[in-house]
PDB file of N, CA and C in Angstrom:
ATOM      1  N   MET A   1       2.621   1.569  14.558  1.00  0.00           N
ATOM      2  CA  MET A   1       1.871   2.488  13.755  1.00  0.00           C
ATOM      3  C   MET A   1       0.475   1.933  13.512  1.00  0.00           C
ATOM      4  N   THR A   2      -0.408   2.771  12.990  1.00  0.00           N
ATOM      5  CA  THR A   2      -1.796   2.365  12.859  1.00  0.00           C
ATOM      6  C   THR A   2      -2.348   2.702  11.479  1.00  0.00           C
ATOM      7  N   LEU A   3      -3.582   2.351  11.266  1.00  0.00           N
ATOM      8  CA  LEU A   3      -4.270   2.653  10.019  1.00  0.00           C
ATOM      9  C   LEU A   3      -4.357   4.169   9.827  1.00  0.00           C
ATOM     10  N   ASP A   4      -4.615   4.888  10.893  1.00  0.00           N
ATOM     11  CA  ASP A   4      -4.695   6.361  10.778  1.00  0.00           C
ATOM     12  C   ASP A   4      -3.334   6.948  10.388  1.00  0.00           C
ATOM     13  N   ALA A   5      -2.262   6.391  10.946  1.00  0.00           N
ATOM     14  CA  ALA A   5      -0.923   6.882  10.611  1.00  0.00           C
ATOM     15  C   ALA A   5      -0.623   6.619   9.130  1.00  0.00           C
ATOM     16  N   LEU A   6      -1.029   5.442   8.643  1.00  0.00           N
ATOM     17  CA  LEU A   6      -0.816   5.099   7.238  1.00  0.00           C
ATOM     18  C   LEU A   6      -1.600   6.085   6.351  1.00  0.00           C
ATOM     19  N   SER A   7      -2.840   6.324   6.675  1.00  0.00           N
ATOM     20  CA  SER A   7      -3.670   7.245   5.887  1.00  0.00           C
ATOM     21  C   SER A   7      -3.048   8.640   5.842  1.00  0.00           C
ATOM     22  N   GLU A   8      -2.564   9.107   6.985  1.00  0.00           N
ATOM     23  CA  GLU A   8      -1.903  10.433   7.045  1.00  0.00           C
ATOM     24  C   GLU A   8      -0.633  10.438   6.210  1.00  0.00           C
ATOM     25  N   ASP A   9       0.173   9.386   6.280  1.00  0.00           N
ATOM     26  CA  ASP A   9       1.401   9.311   5.509  1.00  0.00           C
ATOM     27  C   ASP A   9       1.163   9.264   4.011  1.00  0.00           C
ATOM     28  N   VAL A  10       0.122   8.524   3.589  1.00  0.00           N
ATOM     29  CA  VAL A  10      -0.231   8.459   2.184  1.00  0.00           C
ATOM     30  C   VAL A  10      -0.696   9.817   1.678  1.00  0.00           C
ATOM     31  N   THR A  11      -1.507  10.491   2.448  1.00  0.00           N
ATOM     32  CA  THR A  11      -1.992  11.831   2.085  1.00  0.00           C
ATOM     33  C   THR A  11      -0.838  12.801   1.973  1.00  0.00           C
ATOM     34  N   GLN A  12       0.075  12.752   2.917  1.00  0.00           N
ATOM     35  CA  GLN A  12       1.230  13.650   2.903  1.00  0.00           C
ATOM     36  C   GLN A  12       2.132  13.359   1.693  1.00  0.00           C
ATOM     37  N   ALA A  13       2.365  12.079   1.406  1.00  0.00           N
ATOM     38  CA  ALA A  13       3.209  11.722   0.252  1.00  0.00           C
ATOM     39  C   ALA A  13       2.551  12.172  -1.039  1.00  0.00           C
ATOM     40  N   ASP A  14       1.236  12.036  -1.144  1.00  0.00           N
ATOM     41  CA  ASP A  14       0.489  12.483  -2.318  1.00  0.00           C
ATOM     42  C   ASP A  14       0.651  13.976  -2.520  1.00  0.00           C
ATOM     43  N   GLU A  15       0.541  14.728  -1.449  1.00  0.00           N
ATOM     44  CA  GLU A  15       0.701  16.200  -1.531  1.00  0.00           C
ATOM     45  C   GLU A  15       2.107  16.580  -1.912  1.00  0.00           C
ATOM     46  N   GLU A  16       3.109  15.858  -1.397  1.00  0.00           N
ATOM     47  CA  GLU A  16       4.499  16.166  -1.707  1.00  0.00           C
ATOM     48  C   GLU A  16       4.844  15.844  -3.146  1.00  0.00           C
ATOM     49  N   LEU A  17       4.200  14.810  -3.715  1.00  0.00           N
ATOM     50  CA  LEU A  17       4.466  14.447  -5.105  1.00  0.00           C
ATOM     51  C   LEU A  17       3.952  15.499  -6.068  1.00  0.00           C
ATOM     52  N   GLY A  18       2.838  16.110  -5.757  1.00  0.00           N
ATOM     53  CA  GLY A  18       2.282  17.135  -6.647  1.00  0.00           C
ATOM     54  C   GLY A  18       1.880  16.563  -7.959  1.00  0.00           C
ATOM     55  N   GLY A  19       1.878  17.382  -8.988  1.00  0.00           N
ATOM     56  CA  GLY A  19       1.424  16.956 -10.326  1.00  0.00           C
ATOM     57  C   GLY A  19       2.552  16.430 -11.201  1.00  0.00           C
ATOM     58  N   GLU A  20       3.762  16.905 -11.010  1.00  0.00           N
ATOM     59  CA  GLU A  20       4.860  16.493 -11.857  1.00  0.00           C
ATOM     60  C   GLU A  20       6.050  16.071 -11.008  1.00  0.00           C
ATOM     61  N   ILE A  21       6.821  15.127 -11.558  1.00  0.00           N
ATOM     62  CA  ILE A  21       8.001  14.648 -10.880  1.00  0.00           C
ATOM     63  C   ILE A  21       9.168  14.648 -11.869  1.00  0.00           C
ATOM     64  N   ALA A  22      10.243  15.260 -11.507  1.00  0.00           N
ATOM     65  CA  ALA A  22      11.451  15.217 -12.327  1.00  0.00           C
ATOM     66  C   ALA A  22      12.289  14.038 -11.888  1.00  0.00           C
ATOM     67  N   VAL A  23      12.639  13.201 -12.822  1.00  0.00           N
ATOM     68  CA  VAL A  23      13.391  11.970 -12.500  1.00  0.00           C
ATOM     69  C   VAL A  23      14.673  11.935 -13.331  1.00  0.00           C
ATOM     70  N   ASP A  24      15.792  11.747 -12.682  1.00  0.00           N
ATOM     71  CA  ASP A  24      17.034  11.520 -13.406  1.00  0.00           C
ATOM     72  C   ASP A  24      17.120  10.052 -13.770  1.00  0.00           C
ATOM     73  N   LEU A  25      17.398   9.779 -15.046  1.00  0.00           N
ATOM     74  CA  LEU A  25      17.467   8.411 -15.505  1.00  0.00           C
ATOM     75  C   LEU A  25      18.934   8.018 -15.770  1.00  0.00           C
ATOM     76  N   ASP A  26      19.278   6.823 -15.324  1.00  0.00           N
ATOM     77  CA  ASP A  26      20.592   6.313 -15.669  1.00  0.00           C
ATOM     78  C   ASP A  26      20.576   5.814 -17.114  1.00  0.00           C
ATOM     79  N   ARG A  27      21.705   5.459 -17.640  1.00  0.00           N
ATOM     80  CA  ARG A  27      21.800   5.057 -19.041  1.00  0.00           C
ATOM     81  C   ARG A  27      20.943   3.846 -19.370  1.00  0.00           C
ATOM     82  N   GLU A  28      20.981   2.829 -18.507  1.00  0.00           N
ATOM     83  CA  GLU A  28      20.203   1.611 -18.742  1.00  0.00           C
ATOM     84  C   GLU A  28      18.700   1.913 -18.784  1.00  0.00           C
ATOM     85  N   THR A  29      18.203   2.683 -17.826  1.00  0.00           N
ATOM     86  CA  THR A  29      16.790   3.025 -17.770  1.00  0.00           C
ATOM     87  C   THR A  29      16.393   3.861 -18.996  1.00  0.00           C
ATOM     88  N   ARG A  30      17.260   4.797 -19.384  1.00  0.00           N
ATOM     89  CA  ARG A  30      16.981   5.633 -20.548  1.00  0.00           C
ATOM     90  C   ARG A  30      16.895   4.778 -21.820  1.00  0.00           C
ATOM     91  N   ASN A  31      17.807   3.804 -21.964  1.00  0.00           N
ATOM     92  CA  ASN A  31      17.784   2.934 -23.140  1.00  0.00           C
ATOM     93  C   ASN A  31      16.536   2.052 -23.137  1.00  0.00           C
ATOM     94  N   GLU A  32      16.146   1.525 -21.985  1.00  0.00           N
ATOM     95  CA  GLU A  32      14.944   0.698 -21.909  1.00  0.00           C
ATOM     96  C   GLU A  32      13.693   1.531 -22.214  1.00  0.00           C
ATOM     97  N   LEU A  33      13.649   2.746 -21.682  1.00  0.00           N
ATOM     98  CA  LEU A  33      12.510   3.642 -21.970  1.00  0.00           C
ATOM     99  C   LEU A  33      12.456   3.972 -23.453  1.00  0.00           C
ATOM    100  N   ALA A  34      13.604   4.230 -24.065  1.00  0.00           N
ATOM    101  CA  ALA A  34      13.626   4.527 -25.504  1.00  0.00           C
ATOM    102  C   ALA A  34      13.113   3.337 -26.301  1.00  0.00           C
ATOM    103  N   MET A  35      13.451   2.135 -25.914  1.00  0.00           N
ATOM    104  CA  MET A  35      12.978   0.924 -26.603  1.00  0.00           C
ATOM    105  C   MET A  35      11.458   0.819 -26.481  1.00  0.00           C
ATOM    106  N   LEU A  36      10.944   1.058 -25.286  1.00  0.00           N
ATOM    107  CA  LEU A  36       9.501   0.985 -25.058  1.00  0.00           C
ATOM    108  C   LEU A  36       8.757   2.065 -25.853  1.00  0.00           C
ATOM    109  N   VAL A  37       9.306   3.264 -25.888  1.00  0.00           N
ATOM    110  CA  VAL A  37       8.690   4.353 -26.638  1.00  0.00           C
ATOM    111  C   VAL A  37       8.638   3.994 -28.123  1.00  0.00           C
ATOM    112  N   THR A  38       9.760   3.438 -28.635  1.00  0.00           N
ATOM    113  CA  THR A  38       9.820   3.071 -30.034  1.00  0.00           C
ATOM    114  C   THR A  38       8.858   1.935 -30.348  1.00  0.00           C
ATOM    115  N   ALA A  39       8.809   0.916 -29.528  1.00  0.00           N
ATOM    116  CA  ALA A  39       7.992  -0.262 -29.774  1.00  0.00           C
ATOM    117  C   ALA A  39       6.509  -0.003 -29.575  1.00  0.00           C
ATOM    118  N   LEU A  40       6.162   0.696 -28.484  1.00  0.00           N
ATOM    119  CA  LEU A  40       4.747   0.855 -28.124  1.00  0.00           C
ATOM    120  C   LEU A  40       4.118   2.133 -28.703  1.00  0.00           C
ATOM    121  N   GLY A  41       4.952   3.119 -29.035  1.00  0.00           N
ATOM    122  CA  GLY A  41       4.442   4.323 -29.633  1.00  0.00           C
ATOM    123  C   GLY A  41       3.401   5.071 -28.836  1.00  0.00           C
ATOM    124  N   PRO A  42       3.631   5.313 -27.572  1.00  0.00           N
ATOM    125  CA  PRO A  42       2.625   6.039 -26.785  1.00  0.00           C
ATOM    126  C   PRO A  42       2.559   7.502 -27.243  1.00  0.00           C
ATOM    127  N   GLU A  43       1.490   8.192 -26.794  1.00  0.00           N
ATOM    128  CA  GLU A  43       1.381   9.612 -27.124  1.00  0.00           C
ATOM    129  C   GLU A  43       2.529  10.420 -26.516  1.00  0.00           C
ATOM    130  N   SER A  44       2.959  10.010 -25.311  1.00  0.00           N
ATOM    131  CA  SER A  44       4.069  10.698 -24.653  1.00  0.00           C
ATOM    132  C   SER A  44       4.805   9.709 -23.752  1.00  0.00           C
ATOM    133  N   THR A  45       6.003  10.081 -23.405  1.00  0.00           N
ATOM    134  CA  THR A  45       6.801   9.265 -22.473  1.00  0.00           C
ATOM    135  C   THR A  45       6.118   9.210 -21.119  1.00  0.00           C
ATOM    136  N   ASP A  46       5.439  10.264 -20.749  1.00  0.00           N
ATOM    137  CA  ASP A  46       4.720  10.286 -19.473  1.00  0.00           C
ATOM    138  C   ASP A  46       3.757   9.132 -19.348  1.00  0.00           C
ATOM    139  N   GLU A  47       3.084   8.801 -20.477  1.00  0.00           N
ATOM    140  CA  GLU A  47       2.117   7.702 -20.453  1.00  0.00           C
ATOM    141  C   GLU A  47       2.793   6.378 -20.083  1.00  0.00           C
ATOM    142  N   LEU A  48       3.983   6.136 -20.644  1.00  0.00           N
ATOM    143  CA  LEU A  48       4.728   4.920 -20.292  1.00  0.00           C
ATOM    144  C   LEU A  48       5.108   4.882 -18.828  1.00  0.00           C
ATOM    145  N   LEU A  49       5.522   6.000 -18.305  1.00  0.00           N
ATOM    146  CA  LEU A  49       5.904   6.060 -16.895  1.00  0.00           C
ATOM    147  C   LEU A  49       4.704   5.838 -15.988  1.00  0.00           C
ATOM    148  N   ARG A  50       3.550   6.353 -16.364  1.00  0.00           N
ATOM    149  CA  ARG A  50       2.319   6.106 -15.596  1.00  0.00           C
ATOM    150  C   ARG A  50       1.994   4.599 -15.604  1.00  0.00           C
ATOM    151  N   ARG A  51       2.095   3.992 -16.812  1.00  0.00           N
ATOM    152  CA  ARG A  51       1.852   2.557 -16.902  1.00  0.00           C
ATOM    153  C   ARG A  51       2.832   1.753 -16.055  1.00  0.00           C
ATOM    154  N   ALA A  52       4.079   2.187 -16.028  1.00  0.00           N
ATOM    155  CA  ALA A  52       5.091   1.478 -15.251  1.00  0.00           C
ATOM    156  C   ALA A  52       4.767   1.513 -13.770  1.00  0.00           C
ATOM    157  N   VAL A  53       4.296   2.654 -13.271  1.00  0.00           N
ATOM    158  CA  VAL A  53       3.933   2.763 -11.855  1.00  0.00           C
ATOM    159  C   VAL A  53       2.747   1.866 -11.564  1.00  0.00           C
ATOM    160  N   HIS A  54       1.763   1.853 -12.471  1.00  0.00           N
ATOM    161  CA  HIS A  54       0.583   0.975 -12.283  1.00  0.00           C
ATOM    162  C   HIS A  54       0.993  -0.493 -12.260  1.00  0.00           C
ATOM    163  N   MET A  55       1.900  -0.882 -13.137  1.00  0.00           N
ATOM    164  CA  MET A  55       2.342  -2.276 -13.198  1.00  0.00           C
ATOM    165  C   MET A  55       3.112  -2.660 -11.942  1.00  0.00           C
ATOM    166  N   LEU A  56       3.966  -1.786 -11.469  1.00  0.00           N
ATOM    167  CA  LEU A  56       4.733  -2.063 -10.240  1.00  0.00           C
ATOM    168  C   LEU A  56       3.775  -2.174  -9.053  1.00  0.00           C
ATOM    169  N   PHE A  57       2.829  -1.263  -8.983  1.00  0.00           N
ATOM    170  CA  PHE A  57       1.869  -1.297  -7.886  1.00  0.00           C
ATOM    171  C   PHE A  57       1.079  -2.609  -7.911  1.00  0.00           C
ATOM    172  N   GLN A  58       0.545  -2.967  -9.086  1.00  0.00           N
ATOM    173  CA  GLN A  58      -0.252  -4.184  -9.215  1.00  0.00           C
ATOM    174  C   GLN A  58       0.577  -5.415  -8.840  1.00  0.00           C
ATOM    175  N   SER A  59       1.827  -5.435  -9.267  1.00  0.00           N
ATOM    176  CA  SER A  59       2.707  -6.559  -8.969  1.00  0.00           C
ATOM    177  C   SER A  59       2.942  -6.684  -7.447  1.00  0.00           C
ATOM    178  N   THR A  60       3.171  -5.559  -6.786  1.00  0.00           N
ATOM    179  CA  THR A  60       3.428  -5.621  -5.338  1.00  0.00           C
ATOM    180  C   THR A  60       2.175  -6.033  -4.575  1.00  0.00           C
ATOM    181  N   VAL A  61       1.017  -5.645  -5.084  1.00  0.00           N
ATOM    182  CA  VAL A  61      -0.242  -6.080  -4.447  1.00  0.00           C
ATOM    183  C   VAL A  61      -0.438  -7.561  -4.630  1.00  0.00           C
ATOM    184  N   GLU A  62      -0.305  -8.045  -5.871  1.00  0.00           N
ATOM    185  CA  GLU A  62      -0.567  -9.457  -6.193  1.00  0.00           C
ATOM    186  C   GLU A  62       0.401 -10.432  -5.510  1.00  0.00           C
ATOM    187  N   THR A  63       1.652 -10.008  -5.346  1.00  0.00           N
ATOM    188  CA  THR A  63       2.643 -10.916  -4.743  1.00  0.00           C
ATOM    189  C   THR A  63       2.623 -10.848  -3.207  1.00  0.00           C
ATOM    190  N   GLY A  64       1.882  -9.907  -2.637  1.00  0.00           N
ATOM    191  CA  GLY A  64       1.817  -9.780  -1.190  1.00  0.00           C
ATOM    192  C   GLY A  64       2.941  -8.917  -0.634  1.00  0.00           C
ATOM    193  N   THR A  65       3.789  -8.381  -1.496  1.00  0.00           N
ATOM    194  CA  THR A  65       4.878  -7.549  -1.052  1.00  0.00           C
ATOM    195  C   THR A  65       4.395  -6.272  -0.377  1.00  0.00           C
ATOM    196  N   LEU A  66       3.347  -5.674  -0.930  1.00  0.00           N
ATOM    197  CA  LEU A  66       2.809  -4.471  -0.335  1.00  0.00           C
ATOM    198  C   LEU A  66       2.250  -4.738   1.059  1.00  0.00           C
ATOM    199  N   ASP A  67       1.481  -5.814   1.196  1.00  0.00           N
ATOM    200  CA  ASP A  67       0.960  -6.179   2.526  1.00  0.00           C
ATOM    201  C   ASP A  67       2.068  -6.445   3.522  1.00  0.00           C
ATOM    202  N   PHE A  68       3.131  -7.112   3.064  1.00  0.00           N
ATOM    203  CA  PHE A  68       4.258  -7.393   3.951  1.00  0.00           C
ATOM    204  C   PHE A  68       4.835  -6.113   4.511  1.00  0.00           C
ATOM    205  N   HIS A  69       5.087  -5.141   3.634  1.00  0.00           N
ATOM    206  CA  HIS A  69       5.689  -3.867   4.058  1.00  0.00           C
ATOM    207  C   HIS A  69       4.708  -3.051   4.898  1.00  0.00           C
ATOM    208  N   LEU A  70       3.440  -3.055   4.524  1.00  0.00           N
ATOM    209  CA  LEU A  70       2.451  -2.326   5.331  1.00  0.00           C
ATOM    210  C   LEU A  70       2.317  -2.946   6.714  1.00  0.00           C
ATOM    211  N   ARG A  71       2.291  -4.273   6.781  1.00  0.00           N
ATOM    212  CA  ARG A  71       2.157  -4.964   8.067  1.00  0.00           C
ATOM    213  C   ARG A  71       3.384  -4.675   8.930  1.00  0.00           C
ATOM    214  N   SER A  72       4.574  -4.681   8.302  1.00  0.00           N
ATOM    215  CA  SER A  72       5.802  -4.426   9.051  1.00  0.00           C
ATOM    216  C   SER A  72       5.873  -2.993   9.588  1.00  0.00           C
ATOM    217  N   GLY A  73       5.435  -2.029   8.764  1.00  0.00           N
ATOM    218  CA  GLY A  73       5.568  -0.632   9.164  1.00  0.00           C
ATOM    219  C   GLY A  73       4.349  -0.057   9.880  1.00  0.00           C
ATOM    220  N   TYR A  74       3.150  -0.541   9.537  1.00  0.00           N
ATOM    221  CA  TYR A  74       1.945   0.076  10.070  1.00  0.00           C
ATOM    222  C   TYR A  74       1.011  -0.906  10.760  1.00  0.00           C
ATOM    223  N   ASP A  75       1.305  -2.178  10.702  1.00  0.00           N
ATOM    224  CA  ASP A  75       0.485  -3.239  11.294  1.00  0.00           C
ATOM    225  C   ASP A  75      -0.913  -3.274  10.703  1.00  0.00           C
ATOM    226  N   VAL A  76      -1.012  -2.994   9.378  1.00  0.00           N
ATOM    227  CA  VAL A  76      -2.266  -3.111   8.643  1.00  0.00           C
ATOM    228  C   VAL A  76      -1.967  -3.696   7.262  1.00  0.00           C
ATOM    229  N   THR A  77      -3.010  -4.146   6.561  1.00  0.00           N
ATOM    230  CA  THR A  77      -2.840  -4.619   5.201  1.00  0.00           C
ATOM    231  C   THR A  77      -3.471  -3.608   4.246  1.00  0.00           C
ATOM    232  N   TYR A  78      -3.257  -3.817   2.956  1.00  0.00           N
ATOM    233  CA  TYR A  78      -3.823  -2.937   1.961  1.00  0.00           C
ATOM    234  C   TYR A  78      -5.357  -3.009   1.992  1.00  0.00           C
ATOM    235  N   ASP A  79      -5.922  -4.187   2.163  1.00  0.00           N
ATOM    236  CA  ASP A  79      -7.366  -4.327   2.262  1.00  0.00           C
ATOM    237  C   ASP A  79      -7.934  -3.551   3.453  1.00  0.00           C
ATOM    238  N   GLU A  80      -7.200  -3.586   4.561  1.00  0.00           N
ATOM    239  CA  GLU A  80      -7.651  -2.821   5.733  1.00  0.00           C
ATOM    240  C   GLU A  80      -7.591  -1.329   5.436  1.00  0.00           C
ATOM    241  N   TYR A  81      -6.542  -0.889   4.735  1.00  0.00           N
ATOM    242  CA  TYR A  81      -6.420   0.519   4.340  1.00  0.00           C
ATOM    243  C   TYR A  81      -7.618   0.915   3.453  1.00  0.00           C
ATOM    244  N   LEU A  82      -7.939   0.056   2.460  1.00  0.00           N
ATOM    245  CA  LEU A  82      -9.025   0.388   1.551  1.00  0.00           C
ATOM    246  C   LEU A  82     -10.378   0.452   2.279  1.00  0.00           C
ATOM    247  N   SER A  83     -10.593  -0.439   3.239  1.00  0.00           N
ATOM    248  CA  SER A  83     -11.865  -0.447   3.933  1.00  0.00           C
ATOM    249  C   SER A  83     -11.928   0.595   5.025  1.00  0.00           C
ATOM    250  N   GLY A  84     -10.781   1.102   5.458  1.00  0.00           N
ATOM    251  CA  GLY A  84     -10.752   2.115   6.513  1.00  0.00           C
ATOM    252  C   GLY A  84     -10.898   1.555   7.912  1.00  0.00           C
ATOM    253  N   MET A  85     -10.809   0.222   8.035  1.00  0.00           N
ATOM    254  CA  MET A  85     -10.878  -0.400   9.344  1.00  0.00           C
ATOM    255  C   MET A  85      -9.974  -1.633   9.373  1.00  0.00           C
ATOM    256  N   THR A  86      -9.450  -1.927  10.558  1.00  0.00           N
ATOM    257  CA  THR A  86      -8.622  -3.117  10.715  1.00  0.00           C
ATOM    258  C   THR A  86      -9.477  -4.369  10.757  1.00  0.00           C
ATOM    259  N   PHE A  87      -8.844  -5.513  10.594  1.00  0.00           N
ATOM    260  CA  PHE A  87      -9.551  -6.777  10.666  1.00  0.00           C
ATOM    261  C   PHE A  87     -10.262  -6.949  11.995  1.00  0.00           C
ATOM    262  N   ASP A  88      -9.573  -6.557  13.075  1.00  0.00           N
ATOM    263  CA  ASP A  88     -10.174  -6.667  14.423  1.00  0.00           C
ATOM    264  C   ASP A  88     -11.410  -5.787  14.525  1.00  0.00           C
ATOM    265  N   GLU A  89     -11.366  -4.603  13.932  1.00  0.00           N
ATOM    266  CA  GLU A  89     -12.546  -3.735  13.957  1.00  0.00           C
ATOM    267  C   GLU A  89     -13.676  -4.315  13.129  1.00  0.00           C
ATOM    268  N   MET A  90     -13.345  -4.950  11.991  1.00  0.00           N
ATOM    269  CA  MET A  90     -14.386  -5.555  11.137  1.00  0.00           C
ATOM    270  C   MET A  90     -15.077  -6.707  11.834  1.00  0.00           C
ATOM    271  N   THR A  91     -14.315  -7.523  12.577  1.00  0.00           N
ATOM    272  CA  THR A  91     -14.865  -8.710  13.201  1.00  0.00           C
ATOM    273  C   THR A  91     -15.380  -8.460  14.599  1.00  0.00           C
ATOM    274  N   GLY A  92     -15.143  -7.277  15.129  1.00  0.00           N
ATOM    275  CA  GLY A  92     -15.629  -6.964  16.474  1.00  0.00           C
ATOM    276  C   GLY A  92     -14.753  -7.501  17.604  1.00  0.00           C
ATOM    277  N   THR A  93     -13.559  -7.955  17.273  1.00  0.00           N
ATOM    278  CA  THR A  93     -12.660  -8.529  18.280  1.00  0.00           C
ATOM    279  C   THR A  93     -12.313  -7.477  19.344  1.00  0.00           C
ATOM    280  N   ASN A  94     -12.127  -6.231  18.917  1.00  0.00           N
ATOM    281  CA  ASN A  94     -11.767  -5.176  19.870  1.00  0.00           C
ATOM    282  C   ASN A  94     -12.953  -4.734  20.716  1.00  0.00           C
ATOM    283  N   GLN A  95     -14.141  -5.100  20.300  1.00  0.00           N
ATOM    284  CA  GLN A  95     -15.354  -4.653  20.988  1.00  0.00           C
ATOM    285  C   GLN A  95     -15.521  -5.322  22.344  1.00  0.00           C
ATOM    286  N   PHE A  96     -15.178  -6.609  22.449  1.00  0.00           N
ATOM    287  CA  PHE A  96     -15.364  -7.358  23.680  1.00  0.00           C
ATOM    288  C   PHE A  96     -14.058  -7.997  24.106  1.00  0.00           C
ATOM    289  N   PRO A  97     -13.105  -7.210  24.627  1.00  0.00           N
ATOM    290  CA  PRO A  97     -11.838  -7.825  25.007  1.00  0.00           C
ATOM    291  C   PRO A  97     -11.994  -8.755  26.218  1.00  0.00           C
ATOM    292  N   GLN A  98     -11.304  -9.862  26.204  1.00  0.00           N
ATOM    293  CA  GLN A  98     -11.327 -10.819  27.302  1.00  0.00           C
ATOM    294  C   GLN A  98     -10.285 -10.416  28.353  1.00  0.00           C
ATOM    295  N   GLN A  99     -10.700 -10.331  29.570  1.00  0.00           N
ATOM    296  CA  GLN A  99      -9.814  -9.994  30.647  1.00  0.00           C
ATOM    297  C   GLN A  99      -9.329 -11.290  31.336  1.00  0.00           C
ATOM    298  N   GLY A 100      -8.055 -11.430  31.520  1.00  0.00           N
ATOM    299  CA  GLY A 100      -7.518 -12.572  32.248  1.00  0.00           C
ATOM    300  C   GLY A 100      -7.796 -13.896  31.541  1.00  0.00           C
ATOM    301  N   ASP A 101      -7.976 -14.938  32.326  1.00  0.00           N
ATOM    302  CA  ASP A 101      -8.202 -16.298  31.802  1.00  0.00           C
ATOM    303  C   ASP A 101      -9.658 -16.439  31.396  1.00  0.00           C
ATOM    304  N   PRO A 102      -9.938 -16.823  30.131  1.00  0.00           N
ATOM    305  CA  PRO A 102     -11.312 -16.931  29.712  1.00  0.00           C
ATOM    306  C   PRO A 102     -12.067 -18.085  30.402  1.00  0.00           C
ATOM    307  N   ASP A 103     -11.334 -18.982  31.045  1.00  0.00           N
ATOM    308  CA  ASP A 103     -11.989 -20.107  31.713  1.00  0.00           C
ATOM    309  C   ASP A 103     -12.450 -19.773  33.129  1.00  0.00           C
ATOM    310  N   ASP A 104     -12.099 -18.580  33.693  1.00  0.00           N
ATOM    311  CA  ASP A 104     -12.494 -18.271  35.085  1.00  0.00           C
ATOM    312  C   ASP A 104     -14.001 -18.184  35.239  1.00  0.00           C
ATOM    313  N   ARG A 105     -14.700 -17.825  34.178  1.00  0.00           N
ATOM    314  CA  ARG A 105     -16.159 -17.633  34.279  1.00  0.00           C
ATOM    315  C   ARG A 105     -16.893 -18.904  34.611  1.00  0.00           C
ATOM    316  N   ARG A 106     -16.384 -20.026  34.217  1.00  0.00           N
ATOM    317  CA  ARG A 106     -17.111 -21.280  34.460  1.00  0.00           C
ATOM    318  C   ARG A 106     -17.185 -21.604  35.962  1.00  0.00           C
ATOM    319  N   TYR A 107     -16.294 -21.009  36.755  1.00  0.00           N
ATOM    320  CA  TYR A 107     -16.310 -21.276  38.200  1.00  0.00           C
ATOM    321  C   TYR A 107     -17.122 -20.259  38.988  1.00  0.00           C
ATOM    322  N   GLN A 108     -17.706 -19.275  38.288  1.00  0.00           N
ATOM    323  CA  GLN A 108     -18.532 -18.291  38.963  1.00  0.00           C
ATOM    324  C   GLN A 108     -19.989 -18.747  38.971  1.00  0.00           C
ATOM    325  N   PHE A 109     -20.672 -18.519  40.111  1.00  0.00           N
ATOM    326  CA  PHE A 109     -22.072 -18.911  40.185  1.00  0.00           C
ATOM    327  C   PHE A 109     -22.964 -17.696  40.363  1.00  0.00           C
TER     328      PHE A 109
END
């Protein structure tokens, strides 16, 4: 897969999510959410869920977990996704590919 495939998949997932998501909560999650609502007193439960997604996202970025999964599935990193170009494109590696043995040129006159 490629950077373009990742961008298309992210756009498609964003469209599929829409504005609202209905989530079934198990008992443990519901109890934990109730504790957070009680302790933190947000304006709405939605605010806590938004914060939870932000924290999970930040954690996966900081630990390298996101890059691991992106590299495994799309052969790109999150930084490459943000910049819109792969590392090879940034450094120009793809611009001048070496054909065959790079040492053959020294024997040409």
